[in-house]
PDB file of all heavy atoms in Angstrom:
ATOM      1  N   GLU A   1       0.848  -1.195   0.000  1.00  0.00           N
ATOM      2  CA  GLU A   1       0.000   0.000   0.000  1.00  0.00           C
ATOM      3  C   GLU A   1       0.881   1.241   0.000  1.00  0.00           C
ATOM      4  O   GLU A   1       1.043   1.902   1.018  1.00  0.00           O
ATOM      5  CB  GLU A   1      -0.924   0.012   1.225  1.00  0.00           C
ATOM      6  CG  GLU A   1      -1.930  -1.106   1.276  1.00  0.00           C
ATOM      7  CD  GLU A   1      -2.838  -0.970   2.492  1.00  0.00           C
ATOM      8  OE1 GLU A   1      -3.676  -0.052   2.506  1.00  0.00           O
ATOM      9  OE2 GLU A   1      -2.681  -1.770   3.436  1.00  0.00           O
ATOM     10  N   PRO A   2       1.491   1.560  -1.137  1.00  0.00           N
ATOM     11  CA  PRO A   2       2.406   2.708  -1.180  1.00  0.00           C
ATOM     12  C   PRO A   2       1.689   4.016  -0.902  1.00  0.00           C
ATOM     13  O   PRO A   2       0.526   4.186  -1.264  1.00  0.00           O
ATOM     14  CB  PRO A   2       2.955   2.668  -2.615  1.00  0.00           C
ATOM     15  CG  PRO A   2       1.934   1.916  -3.394  1.00  0.00           C
ATOM     16  CD  PRO A   2       1.341   0.910  -2.445  1.00  0.00           C
ATOM     17  N   TRP A   3       2.403   4.909  -0.264  1.00  0.00           N
ATOM     18  CA  TRP A   3       1.767   6.155   0.160  1.00  0.00           C
ATOM     19  C   TRP A   3       1.641   7.186  -0.958  1.00  0.00           C
ATOM     20  O   TRP A   3       2.371   7.190  -1.940  1.00  0.00           O
ATOM     21  CB  TRP A   3       2.472   6.748   1.358  1.00  0.00           C
ATOM     22  CG  TRP A   3       3.973   6.898   1.258  1.00  0.00           C
ATOM     23  CD1 TRP A   3       4.760   6.860   0.139  1.00  0.00           C
ATOM     24  CD2 TRP A   3       4.871   7.093   2.362  1.00  0.00           C
ATOM     25  NE1 TRP A   3       6.074   7.024   0.466  1.00  0.00           N
ATOM     26  CE2 TRP A   3       6.175   7.173   1.814  1.00  0.00           C
ATOM     27  CE3 TRP A   3       4.704   7.217   3.732  1.00  0.00           C
ATOM     28  CZ2 TRP A   3       7.305   7.369   2.617  1.00  0.00           C
ATOM     29  CZ3 TRP A   3       5.832   7.408   4.522  1.00  0.00           C
ATOM     30  CH2 TRP A   3       7.107   7.481   3.976  1.00  0.00           C
ATOM     31  N   HIS A   4       0.674   8.060  -0.764  1.00  0.00           N
ATOM     32  CA  HIS A   4       0.520   9.286  -1.549  1.00  0.00           C
ATOM     33  C   HIS A   4       0.763  10.426  -0.582  1.00  0.00           C
ATOM     34  O   HIS A   4       0.057  10.559   0.416  1.00  0.00           O
ATOM     35  CB  HIS A   4      -0.885   9.373  -2.152  1.00  0.00           C
ATOM     36  CG  HIS A   4      -1.243  10.736  -2.674  1.00  0.00           C
ATOM     37  ND1 HIS A   4      -2.522  11.244  -2.626  1.00  0.00           N
ATOM     38  CD2 HIS A   4      -0.483  11.704  -3.241  1.00  0.00           C
ATOM     39  CE1 HIS A   4      -2.538  12.450  -3.139  1.00  0.00           C
ATOM     40  NE2 HIS A   4      -1.320  12.766  -3.523  1.00  0.00           N
ATOM     41  N   TYR A   5       1.781  11.248  -0.845  1.00  0.00           N
ATOM     42  CA  TYR A   5       2.065  12.364   0.054  1.00  0.00           C
ATOM     43  C   TYR A   5       2.284  13.647  -0.731  1.00  0.00           C
ATOM     44  O   TYR A   5       2.539  13.633  -1.941  1.00  0.00           O
ATOM     45  CB  TYR A   5       3.270  12.076   0.952  1.00  0.00           C
ATOM     46  CG  TYR A   5       4.568  11.700   0.251  1.00  0.00           C
ATOM     47  CD1 TYR A   5       5.197  12.569  -0.643  1.00  0.00           C
ATOM     48  CD2 TYR A   5       5.174  10.481   0.505  1.00  0.00           C
ATOM     49  CE1 TYR A   5       6.380  12.228  -1.263  1.00  0.00           C
ATOM     50  CE2 TYR A   5       6.369  10.123  -0.118  1.00  0.00           C
ATOM     51  CZ  TYR A   5       6.959  11.007  -1.001  1.00  0.00           C
ATOM     52  OH  TYR A   5       8.130  10.666  -1.629  1.00  0.00           O
ATOM     53  N   SER A   6       2.154  14.762  -0.015  1.00  0.00           N
ATOM     54  CA  SER A   6       2.488  16.078  -0.552  1.00  0.00           C
ATOM     55  C   SER A   6       3.537  16.696   0.339  1.00  0.00           C
ATOM     56  O   SER A   6       3.685  16.310   1.508  1.00  0.00           O
ATOM     57  CB  SER A   6       1.252  16.977  -0.611  1.00  0.00           C
ATOM     58  OG  SER A   6       0.267  16.437  -1.456  1.00  0.00           O
ATOM     59  N   TRP A   7       4.271  17.673  -0.178  1.00  0.00           N
ATOM     60  CA  TRP A   7       5.340  18.252   0.630  1.00  0.00           C
ATOM     61  C   TRP A   7       5.603  19.722   0.313  1.00  0.00           C
ATOM     62  O   TRP A   7       5.280  20.212  -0.763  1.00  0.00           O
ATOM     63  CB  TRP A   7       6.636  17.460   0.456  1.00  0.00           C
ATOM     64  CG  TRP A   7       7.333  17.660  -0.866  1.00  0.00           C
ATOM     65  CD1 TRP A   7       8.261  18.604  -1.187  1.00  0.00           C
ATOM     66  CD2 TRP A   7       7.134  16.880  -2.051  1.00  0.00           C
ATOM     67  NE1 TRP A   7       8.661  18.466  -2.485  1.00  0.00           N
ATOM     68  CE2 TRP A   7       8.000  17.418  -3.037  1.00  0.00           C
ATOM     69  CE3 TRP A   7       6.333  15.782  -2.360  1.00  0.00           C
ATOM     70  CZ2 TRP A   7       8.061  16.883  -4.318  1.00  0.00           C
ATOM     71  CZ3 TRP A   7       6.400  15.248  -3.648  1.00  0.00           C
ATOM     72  CH2 TRP A   7       7.253  15.801  -4.602  1.00  0.00           C
ATOM     73  N   PHE A   8       6.167  20.398   1.297  1.00  0.00           N
ATOM     74  CA  PHE A   8       6.720  21.742   1.190  1.00  0.00           C
ATOM     75  C   PHE A   8       8.220  21.669   1.470  1.00  0.00           C
ATOM     76  O   PHE A   8       8.627  21.099   2.486  1.00  0.00           O
ATOM     77  CB  PHE A   8       6.134  22.674   2.258  1.00  0.00           C
ATOM     78  CG  PHE A   8       4.851  23.351   1.913  1.00  0.00           C
ATOM     79  CD1 PHE A   8       3.648  22.775   2.245  1.00  0.00           C
ATOM     80  CD2 PHE A   8       4.845  24.588   1.292  1.00  0.00           C
ATOM     81  CE1 PHE A   8       2.453  23.406   1.961  1.00  0.00           C
ATOM     82  CE2 PHE A   8       3.660  25.228   0.997  1.00  0.00           C
ATOM     83  CZ  PHE A   8       2.459  24.644   1.332  1.00  0.00           C
ATOM     84  N   GLY A   9       9.033  22.280   0.634  1.00  0.00           N
ATOM     85  CA  GLY A   9      10.443  22.503   0.939  1.00  0.00           C
ATOM     86  C   GLY A   9      10.629  23.982   1.223  1.00  0.00           C
ATOM     87  O   GLY A   9      10.221  24.828   0.423  1.00  0.00           O
ATOM     88  N   PHE A  10      11.231  24.325   2.375  1.00  0.00           N
ATOM     89  CA  PHE A  10      11.279  25.735   2.756  1.00  0.00           C
ATOM     90  C   PHE A  10      12.530  26.046   3.589  1.00  0.00           C
ATOM     91  O   PHE A  10      13.166  25.149   4.159  1.00  0.00           O
ATOM     92  CB  PHE A  10      10.024  26.119   3.541  1.00  0.00           C
ATOM     93  CG  PHE A  10       9.809  25.327   4.815  1.00  0.00           C
ATOM     94  CD1 PHE A  10      10.255  25.800   6.044  1.00  0.00           C
ATOM     95  CD2 PHE A  10       9.166  24.096   4.772  1.00  0.00           C
ATOM     96  CE1 PHE A  10      10.068  25.064   7.205  1.00  0.00           C
ATOM     97  CE2 PHE A  10       8.965  23.354   5.936  1.00  0.00           C
ATOM     98  CZ  PHE A  10       9.417  23.848   7.148  1.00  0.00           C
ATOM     99  N   VAL A  11      12.852  27.322   3.652  1.00  0.00           N
ATOM    100  CA  VAL A  11      13.949  27.848   4.464  1.00  0.00           C
ATOM    101  C   VAL A  11      13.482  29.169   5.076  1.00  0.00           C
ATOM    102  O   VAL A  11      12.361  29.611   4.827  1.00  0.00           O
ATOM    103  CB  VAL A  11      15.228  28.089   3.626  1.00  0.00           C
ATOM    104  CG1 VAL A  11      15.792  26.782   3.091  1.00  0.00           C
ATOM    105  CG2 VAL A  11      14.939  29.060   2.469  1.00  0.00           C
ATOM    106  N   GLY A  12      14.342  29.815   5.860  1.00  0.00           N
ATOM    107  CA  GLY A  12      14.017  31.130   6.405  1.00  0.00           C
ATOM    108  C   GLY A  12      14.444  31.287   7.847  1.00  0.00           C
ATOM    109  O   GLY A  12      14.617  30.297   8.575  1.00  0.00           O
ATOM    110  N   THR A  13      14.615  32.530   8.266  1.00  0.00           N
ATOM    111  CA  THR A  13      15.062  32.796   9.637  1.00  0.00           C
ATOM    112  C   THR A  13      14.022  32.380  10.667  1.00  0.00           C
ATOM    113  O   THR A  13      14.355  32.049  11.803  1.00  0.00           O
ATOM    114  CB  THR A  13      15.381  34.285   9.809  1.00  0.00           C
ATOM    115  OG1 THR A  13      14.223  35.072   9.454  1.00  0.00           O
ATOM    116  CG2 THR A  13      16.545  34.709   8.926  1.00  0.00           C
ATOM    117  N   LEU A  14      12.739  32.391  10.284  1.00  0.00           N
ATOM    118  CA  LEU A  14      11.677  31.971  11.205  1.00  0.00           C
ATOM    119  C   LEU A  14      11.405  30.472  11.160  1.00  0.00           C
ATOM    120  O   LEU A  14      10.662  29.948  11.997  1.00  0.00           O
ATOM    121  CB  LEU A  14      10.371  32.710  10.878  1.00  0.00           C
ATOM    122  CG  LEU A  14      10.244  34.157  11.340  1.00  0.00           C
ATOM    123  CD1 LEU A  14       8.867  34.701  10.955  1.00  0.00           C
ATOM    124  CD2 LEU A  14      10.438  34.278  12.847  1.00  0.00           C
ATOM    125  N   ALA A  15      11.987  29.778  10.181  1.00  0.00           N
ATOM    126  CA  ALA A  15      11.671  28.358   9.993  1.00  0.00           C
ATOM    127  C   ALA A  15      11.925  27.515  11.244  1.00  0.00           C
ATOM    128  O   ALA A  15      11.049  26.728  11.635  1.00  0.00           O
ATOM    129  CB  ALA A  15      12.443  27.808   8.798  1.00  0.00           C
ATOM    130  N   PRO A  16      13.080  27.642  11.932  1.00  0.00           N
ATOM    131  CA  PRO A  16      13.291  26.801  13.122  1.00  0.00           C
ATOM    132  C   PRO A  16      12.237  27.022  14.200  1.00  0.00           C
ATOM    133  O   PRO A  16      11.783  26.061  14.834  1.00  0.00           O
ATOM    134  CB  PRO A  16      14.689  27.223  13.605  1.00  0.00           C
ATOM    135  CG  PRO A  16      15.362  27.766  12.391  1.00  0.00           C
ATOM    136  CD  PRO A  16      14.278  28.441  11.617  1.00  0.00           C
ATOM    137  N   ARG A  17      11.831  28.264  14.404  1.00  0.00           N
ATOM    138  CA  ARG A  17      10.829  28.548  15.439  1.00  0.00           C
ATOM    139  C   ARG A  17       9.453  28.023  15.038  1.00  0.00           C
ATOM    140  O   ARG A  17       8.728  27.454  15.870  1.00  0.00           O
ATOM    141  CB  ARG A  17      10.768  30.055  15.704  1.00  0.00           C
ATOM    142  CG  ARG A  17       9.791  30.469  16.789  1.00  0.00           C
ATOM    143  CD  ARG A  17      10.126  29.821  18.115  1.00  0.00           C
ATOM    144  NE  ARG A  17       9.220  30.237  19.172  1.00  0.00           N
ATOM    145  CZ  ARG A  17       8.930  29.507  20.232  1.00  0.00           C
ATOM    146  NH1 ARG A  17       9.475  28.318  20.386  1.00  0.00           N
ATOM    147  NH2 ARG A  17       8.103  29.958  21.156  1.00  0.00           N
ATOM    148  N   LEU A  18       9.092  28.175  13.780  1.00  0.00           N
ATOM    149  CA  LEU A  18       7.801  27.668  13.318  1.00  0.00           C
ATOM    150  C   LEU A  18       7.744  26.144  13.419  1.00  0.00           C
ATOM    151  O   LEU A  18       6.722  25.576  13.803  1.00  0.00           O
ATOM    152  CB  LEU A  18       7.552  28.114  11.876  1.00  0.00           C
ATOM    153  CG  LEU A  18       7.332  29.619  11.670  1.00  0.00           C
ATOM    154  CD1 LEU A  18       7.337  29.958  10.191  1.00  0.00           C
ATOM    155  CD2 LEU A  18       6.037  30.071  12.319  1.00  0.00           C
ATOM    156  N   VAL A  19       8.845  25.502  13.082  1.00  0.00           N
ATOM    157  CA  VAL A  19       8.938  24.045  13.207  1.00  0.00           C
ATOM    158  C   VAL A  19       8.736  23.624  14.660  1.00  0.00           C
ATOM    159  O   VAL A  19       8.006  22.672  14.963  1.00  0.00           O
ATOM    160  CB  VAL A  19      10.305  23.568  12.674  1.00  0.00           C
ATOM    161  CG1 VAL A  19      10.629  22.156  13.157  1.00  0.00           C
ATOM    162  CG2 VAL A  19      10.335  23.633  11.148  1.00  0.00           C
ATOM    163  N   GLU A  20       9.378  24.350  15.586  1.00  0.00           N
ATOM    164  CA  GLU A  20       9.242  24.046  17.013  1.00  0.00           C
ATOM    165  C   GLU A  20       7.807  24.245  17.486  1.00  0.00           C
ATOM    166  O   GLU A  20       7.246  23.399  18.197  1.00  0.00           O
ATOM    167  CB  GLU A  20      10.183  24.939  17.818  1.00  0.00           C
ATOM    168  CG  GLU A  20      10.080  24.758  19.323  1.00  0.00           C
ATOM    169  CD  GLU A  20      10.871  25.807  20.087  1.00  0.00           C
ATOM    170  OE1 GLU A  20      11.504  26.672  19.447  1.00  0.00           O
ATOM    171  OE2 GLU A  20      10.848  25.773  21.332  1.00  0.00           O
ATOM    172  N   LEU A  21       7.191  25.350  17.089  1.00  0.00           N
ATOM    173  CA  LEU A  21       5.815  25.622  17.506  1.00  0.00           C
ATOM    174  C   LEU A  21       4.840  24.582  16.971  1.00  0.00           C
ATOM    175  O   LEU A  21       3.806  24.314  17.589  1.00  0.00           O
ATOM    176  CB  LEU A  21       5.393  27.019  17.036  1.00  0.00           C
ATOM    177  CG  LEU A  21       6.077  28.205  17.712  1.00  0.00           C
ATOM    178  CD1 LEU A  21       5.671  29.507  17.046  1.00  0.00           C
ATOM    179  CD2 LEU A  21       5.759  28.247  19.195  1.00  0.00           C
ATOM    180  N   ALA A  22       5.167  23.992  15.825  1.00  0.00           N
ATOM    181  CA  ALA A  22       4.300  22.972  15.240  1.00  0.00           C
ATOM    182  C   ALA A  22       4.509  21.599  15.865  1.00  0.00           C
ATOM    183  O   ALA A  22       3.834  20.644  15.486  1.00  0.00           O
ATOM    184  CB  ALA A  22       4.532  22.897  13.730  1.00  0.00           C
ATOM    185  N   GLY A  23       5.445  21.503  16.827  1.00  0.00           N
ATOM    186  CA  GLY A  23       5.627  20.247  17.548  1.00  0.00           C
ATOM    187  C   GLY A  23       6.686  19.323  16.999  1.00  0.00           C
ATOM    188  O   GLY A  23       6.760  18.158  17.401  1.00  0.00           O
ATOM    189  N   PHE A  24       7.546  19.820  16.088  1.00  0.00           N
ATOM    190  CA  PHE A  24       8.602  18.988  15.524  1.00  0.00           C
ATOM    191  C   PHE A  24       9.947  19.315  16.176  1.00  0.00           C
ATOM    192  O   PHE A  24      10.184  20.441  16.612  1.00  0.00           O
ATOM    193  CB  PHE A  24       8.733  19.228  14.015  1.00  0.00           C
ATOM    194  CG  PHE A  24       7.539  18.808  13.216  1.00  0.00           C
ATOM    195  CD1 PHE A  24       6.626  19.748  12.760  1.00  0.00           C
ATOM    196  CD2 PHE A  24       7.326  17.478  12.909  1.00  0.00           C
ATOM    197  CE1 PHE A  24       5.526  19.373  12.012  1.00  0.00           C
ATOM    198  CE2 PHE A  24       6.227  17.082  12.162  1.00  0.00           C
ATOM    199  CZ  PHE A  24       5.325  18.032  11.718  1.00  0.00           C
ATOM    200  N   SER A  25      10.829  18.336  16.205  1.00  0.00           N
ATOM    201  CA  SER A  25      12.199  18.535  16.661  1.00  0.00           C
ATOM    202  C   SER A  25      13.053  17.430  16.060  1.00  0.00           C
ATOM    203  O   SER A  25      12.532  16.497  15.429  1.00  0.00           O
ATOM    204  CB  SER A  25      12.286  18.487  18.196  1.00  0.00           C
ATOM    205  OG  SER A  25      12.050  17.170  18.671  1.00  0.00           O
ATOM    206  N   VAL A  26      14.372  17.513  16.277  1.00  0.00           N
ATOM    207  CA  VAL A  26      15.268  16.460  15.794  1.00  0.00           C
ATOM    208  C   VAL A  26      14.888  15.123  16.416  1.00  0.00           C
ATOM    209  O   VAL A  26      14.917  14.083  15.763  1.00  0.00           O
ATOM    210  CB  VAL A  26      16.735  16.812  16.116  1.00  0.00           C
ATOM    211  CG1 VAL A  26      17.656  15.638  15.784  1.00  0.00           C
ATOM    212  CG2 VAL A  26      17.167  18.051  15.344  1.00  0.00           C
ATOM    213  N   LEU A  27      14.502  15.140  17.695  1.00  0.00           N
ATOM    214  CA  LEU A  27      14.113  13.917  18.382  1.00  0.00           C
ATOM    215  C   LEU A  27      12.695  13.477  18.045  1.00  0.00           C
ATOM    216  O   LEU A  27      12.357  12.302  18.193  1.00  0.00           O
ATOM    217  CB  LEU A  27      14.234  14.101  19.901  1.00  0.00           C
ATOM    218  CG  LEU A  27      15.647  14.323  20.448  1.00  0.00           C
ATOM    219  CD1 LEU A  27      15.601  14.571  21.947  1.00  0.00           C
ATOM    220  CD2 LEU A  27      16.532  13.136  20.134  1.00  0.00           C
ATOM    221  N   SER A  28      11.858  14.406  17.599  1.00  0.00           N
ATOM    222  CA  SER A  28      10.451  14.084  17.286  1.00  0.00           C
ATOM    223  C   SER A  28      10.078  14.664  15.923  1.00  0.00           C
ATOM    224  O   SER A  28       9.361  15.667  15.836  1.00  0.00           O
ATOM    225  CB  SER A  28       9.529  14.645  18.377  1.00  0.00           C
ATOM    226  OG  SER A  28       9.851  14.108  19.634  1.00  0.00           O
ATOM    227  N   PRO A  29      10.550  14.043  14.834  1.00  0.00           N
ATOM    228  CA  PRO A  29      10.281  14.592  13.496  1.00  0.00           C
ATOM    229  C   PRO A  29       8.956  14.151  12.898  1.00  0.00           C
ATOM    230  O   PRO A  29       8.679  14.455  11.742  1.00  0.00           O
ATOM    231  CB  PRO A  29      11.451  14.037  12.676  1.00  0.00           C
ATOM    232  CG  PRO A  29      11.726  12.708  13.307  1.00  0.00           C
ATOM    233  CD  PRO A  29      11.447  12.875  14.787  1.00  0.00           C
ATOM    234  N   VAL A  30       8.141  13.436  13.677  1.00  0.00           N
ATOM    235  CA  VAL A  30       6.873  12.906  13.170  1.00  0.00           C
ATOM    236  C   VAL A  30       5.748  13.335  14.103  1.00  0.00           C
ATOM    237  O   VAL A  30       5.916  13.380  15.319  1.00  0.00           O
ATOM    238  CB  VAL A  30       6.910  11.359  13.103  1.00  0.00           C
ATOM    239  CG1 VAL A  30       5.536  10.794  12.741  1.00  0.00           C
ATOM    240  CG2 VAL A  30       7.960  10.892  12.107  1.00  0.00           C
ATOM    241  N   ARG A  31       4.603  13.663  13.557  1.00  0.00           N
ATOM    242  CA  ARG A  31       3.426  13.912  14.377  1.00  0.00           C
ATOM    243  C   ARG A  31       2.171  13.598  13.569  1.00  0.00           C
ATOM    244  O   ARG A  31       2.205  13.488  12.340  1.00  0.00           O
ATOM    245  CB  ARG A  31       3.376  15.338  14.920  1.00  0.00           C
ATOM    246  CG  ARG A  31       3.244  16.440  13.881  1.00  0.00           C
ATOM    247  CD  ARG A  31       2.754  17.717  14.526  1.00  0.00           C
ATOM    248  NE  ARG A  31       1.390  17.569  15.013  1.00  0.00           N
ATOM    249  CZ  ARG A  31       0.701  18.540  15.612  1.00  0.00           C
ATOM    250  NH1 ARG A  31       1.271  19.710  15.829  1.00  0.00           N
ATOM    251  NH2 ARG A  31      -0.544  18.349  15.997  1.00  0.00           N
ATOM    252  N   THR A  32       1.071  13.436  14.289  1.00  0.00           N
ATOM    253  CA  THR A  32      -0.215  13.138  13.665  1.00  0.00           C
ATOM    254  C   THR A  32      -1.084  14.384  13.693  1.00  0.00           C
ATOM    255  O   THR A  32      -1.173  15.061  14.722  1.00  0.00           O
ATOM    256  CB  THR A  32      -0.926  11.997  14.418  1.00  0.00           C
ATOM    257  OG1 THR A  32      -0.084  10.844  14.409  1.00  0.00           O
ATOM    258  CG2 THR A  32      -2.250  11.657  13.758  1.00  0.00           C
ATOM    259  N   ALA A  33      -1.707  14.698  12.577  1.00  0.00           N
ATOM    260  CA  ALA A  33      -2.603  15.852  12.517  1.00  0.00           C
ATOM    261  C   ALA A  33      -3.943  15.468  13.117  1.00  0.00           C
ATOM    262  O   ALA A  33      -4.505  14.423  12.796  1.00  0.00           O
ATOM    263  CB  ALA A  33      -2.783  16.305  11.079  1.00  0.00           C
ATOM    264  N   ASP A  34      -4.448  16.307  14.011  1.00  0.00           N
ATOM    265  CA  ASP A  34      -5.766  16.087  14.589  1.00  0.00           C
ATOM    266  C   ASP A  34      -6.794  16.026  13.465  1.00  0.00           C
ATOM    267  O   ASP A  34      -6.828  16.883  12.581  1.00  0.00           O
ATOM    268  CB  ASP A  34      -6.084  17.236  15.549  1.00  0.00           C
ATOM    269  CG  ASP A  34      -7.337  16.977  16.380  1.00  0.00           C
ATOM    270  OD1 ASP A  34      -8.371  16.639  15.790  1.00  0.00           O
ATOM    271  OD2 ASP A  34      -7.267  17.126  17.609  1.00  0.00           O
ATOM    272  N   SER A  35      -7.646  15.005  13.486  1.00  0.00           N
ATOM    273  CA  SER A  35      -8.625  14.824  12.407  1.00  0.00           C
ATOM    274  C   SER A  35      -9.624  15.971  12.311  1.00  0.00           C
ATOM    275  O   SER A  35     -10.267  16.161  11.281  1.00  0.00           O
ATOM    276  CB  SER A  35      -9.391  13.508  12.603  1.00  0.00           C
ATOM    277  OG  SER A  35     -10.070  13.511  13.853  1.00  0.00           O
ATOM    278  N   SER A  36      -9.773  16.748  13.399  1.00  0.00           N
ATOM    279  CA  SER A  36     -10.723  17.862  13.376  1.00  0.00           C
ATOM    280  C   SER A  36     -10.139  19.108  12.718  1.00  0.00           C
ATOM    281  O   SER A  36     -10.849  20.070  12.476  1.00  0.00           O
ATOM    282  CB  SER A  36     -11.164  18.205  14.803  1.00  0.00           C
ATOM    283  OG  SER A  36     -10.083  18.728  15.561  1.00  0.00           O
ATOM    284  N   LEU A  37      -8.825  19.096  12.429  1.00  0.00           N
ATOM    285  CA  LEU A  37      -8.178  20.259  11.832  1.00  0.00           C
ATOM    286  C   LEU A  37      -8.182  20.137  10.304  1.00  0.00           C
ATOM    287  O   LEU A  37      -8.471  19.092   9.741  1.00  0.00           O
ATOM    288  CB  LEU A  37      -6.748  20.395  12.362  1.00  0.00           C
ATOM    289  CG  LEU A  37      -6.624  20.485  13.891  1.00  0.00           C
ATOM    290  CD1 LEU A  37      -5.163  20.596  14.289  1.00  0.00           C
ATOM    291  CD2 LEU A  37      -7.416  21.666  14.426  1.00  0.00           C
ATOM    292  N   SER A  38      -7.806  21.234   9.640  1.00  0.00           N
ATOM    293  CA  SER A  38      -7.935  21.288   8.182  1.00  0.00           C
ATOM    294  C   SER A  38      -6.601  21.059   7.481  1.00  0.00           C
ATOM    295  O   SER A  38      -6.401  21.552   6.375  1.00  0.00           O
ATOM    296  CB  SER A  38      -8.487  22.657   7.781  1.00  0.00           C
ATOM    297  OG  SER A  38      -7.653  23.696   8.286  1.00  0.00           O
ATOM    298  N   VAL A  39      -5.692  20.319   8.088  1.00  0.00           N
ATOM    299  CA  VAL A  39      -4.354  20.164   7.521  1.00  0.00           C
ATOM    300  C   VAL A  39      -4.409  19.531   6.133  1.00  0.00           C
ATOM    301  O   VAL A  39      -3.764  20.004   5.195  1.00  0.00           O
ATOM    302  CB  VAL A  39      -3.458  19.337   8.463  1.00  0.00           C
ATOM    303  CG1 VAL A  39      -2.111  19.055   7.803  1.00  0.00           C
ATOM    304  CG2 VAL A  39      -3.248  20.079   9.775  1.00  0.00           C
ATOM    305  N   GLU A  40      -5.188  18.458   5.974  1.00  0.00           N
ATOM    306  CA  GLU A  40      -5.221  17.781   4.678  1.00  0.00           C
ATOM    307  C   GLU A  40      -5.751  18.703   3.590  1.00  0.00           C
ATOM    308  O   GLU A  40      -5.202  18.744   2.485  1.00  0.00           O
ATOM    309  CB  GLU A  40      -6.062  16.515   4.745  1.00  0.00           C
ATOM    310  CG  GLU A  40      -6.106  15.787   3.399  1.00  0.00           C
ATOM    311  CD  GLU A  40      -6.671  14.387   3.482  1.00  0.00           C
ATOM    312  OE1 GLU A  40      -7.374  14.089   4.463  1.00  0.00           O
ATOM    313  OE2 GLU A  40      -6.399  13.603   2.555  1.00  0.00           O
ATOM    314  N   SER A  41      -6.791  19.454   3.891  1.00  0.00           N
ATOM    315  CA  SER A  41      -7.355  20.340   2.868  1.00  0.00           C
ATOM    316  C   SER A  41      -6.357  21.429   2.478  1.00  0.00           C
ATOM    317  O   SER A  41      -6.321  21.865   1.324  1.00  0.00           O
ATOM    318  CB  SER A  41      -8.657  20.972   3.366  1.00  0.00           C
ATOM    319  OG  SER A  41      -8.431  21.814   4.489  1.00  0.00           O
ATOM    320  N   LEU A  42      -5.521  21.854   3.432  1.00  0.00           N
ATOM    321  CA  LEU A  42      -4.503  22.858   3.120  1.00  0.00           C
ATOM    322  C   LEU A  42      -3.460  22.270   2.168  1.00  0.00           C
ATOM    323  O   LEU A  42      -3.035  22.932   1.220  1.00  0.00           O
ATOM    324  CB  LEU A  42      -3.838  23.362   4.401  1.00  0.00           C
ATOM    325  CG  LEU A  42      -4.739  24.162   5.343  1.00  0.00           C
ATOM    326  CD1 LEU A  42      -4.012  24.472   6.654  1.00  0.00           C
ATOM    327  CD2 LEU A  42      -5.203  25.462   4.693  1.00  0.00           C
ATOM    328  N   PHE A  43      -3.042  21.031   2.416  1.00  0.00           N
ATOM    329  CA  PHE A  43      -2.107  20.388   1.496  1.00  0.00           C
ATOM    330  C   PHE A  43      -2.760  20.101   0.144  1.00  0.00           C
ATOM    331  O   PHE A  43      -2.087  20.116  -0.886  1.00  0.00           O
ATOM    332  CB  PHE A  43      -1.563  19.097   2.119  1.00  0.00           C
ATOM    333  CG  PHE A  43      -0.363  19.309   3.001  1.00  0.00           C
ATOM    334  CD1 PHE A  43      -0.519  19.536   4.359  1.00  0.00           C
ATOM    335  CD2 PHE A  43       0.921  19.298   2.478  1.00  0.00           C
ATOM    336  CE1 PHE A  43       0.580  19.733   5.183  1.00  0.00           C
ATOM    337  CE2 PHE A  43       2.028  19.500   3.281  1.00  0.00           C
ATOM    338  CZ  PHE A  43       1.858  19.719   4.642  1.00  0.00           C
ATOM    339  N   ASP A  44      -4.064  19.854   0.138  1.00  0.00           N
ATOM    340  CA  ASP A  44      -4.760  19.605  -1.124  1.00  0.00           C
ATOM    341  C   ASP A  44      -4.721  20.818  -2.044  1.00  0.00           C
ATOM    342  O   ASP A  44      -4.861  20.688  -3.267  1.00  0.00           O
ATOM    343  CB  ASP A  44      -6.225  19.218  -0.860  1.00  0.00           C
ATOM    344  CG  ASP A  44      -6.366  17.805  -0.336  1.00  0.00           C
ATOM    345  OD1 ASP A  44      -5.425  17.004  -0.509  1.00  0.00           O
ATOM    346  OD2 ASP A  44      -7.415  17.502   0.276  1.00  0.00           O
TER     347      ASP A  44
END
C-alpha cells in the first residue's frame, strides 16, 4: 500500500521557530494531525 504524500520545501530565519511551535524537533520529526483540523485540505 504505497503512500501518496504532498510536501513543502522551505527555508528562512523563522523556519526553526515555526517548526518548534508545530511540535517537531530532531528527536520528534513525526506527528499526527488532529482529524478535526484542516491540515489535509490545506495540502490539497
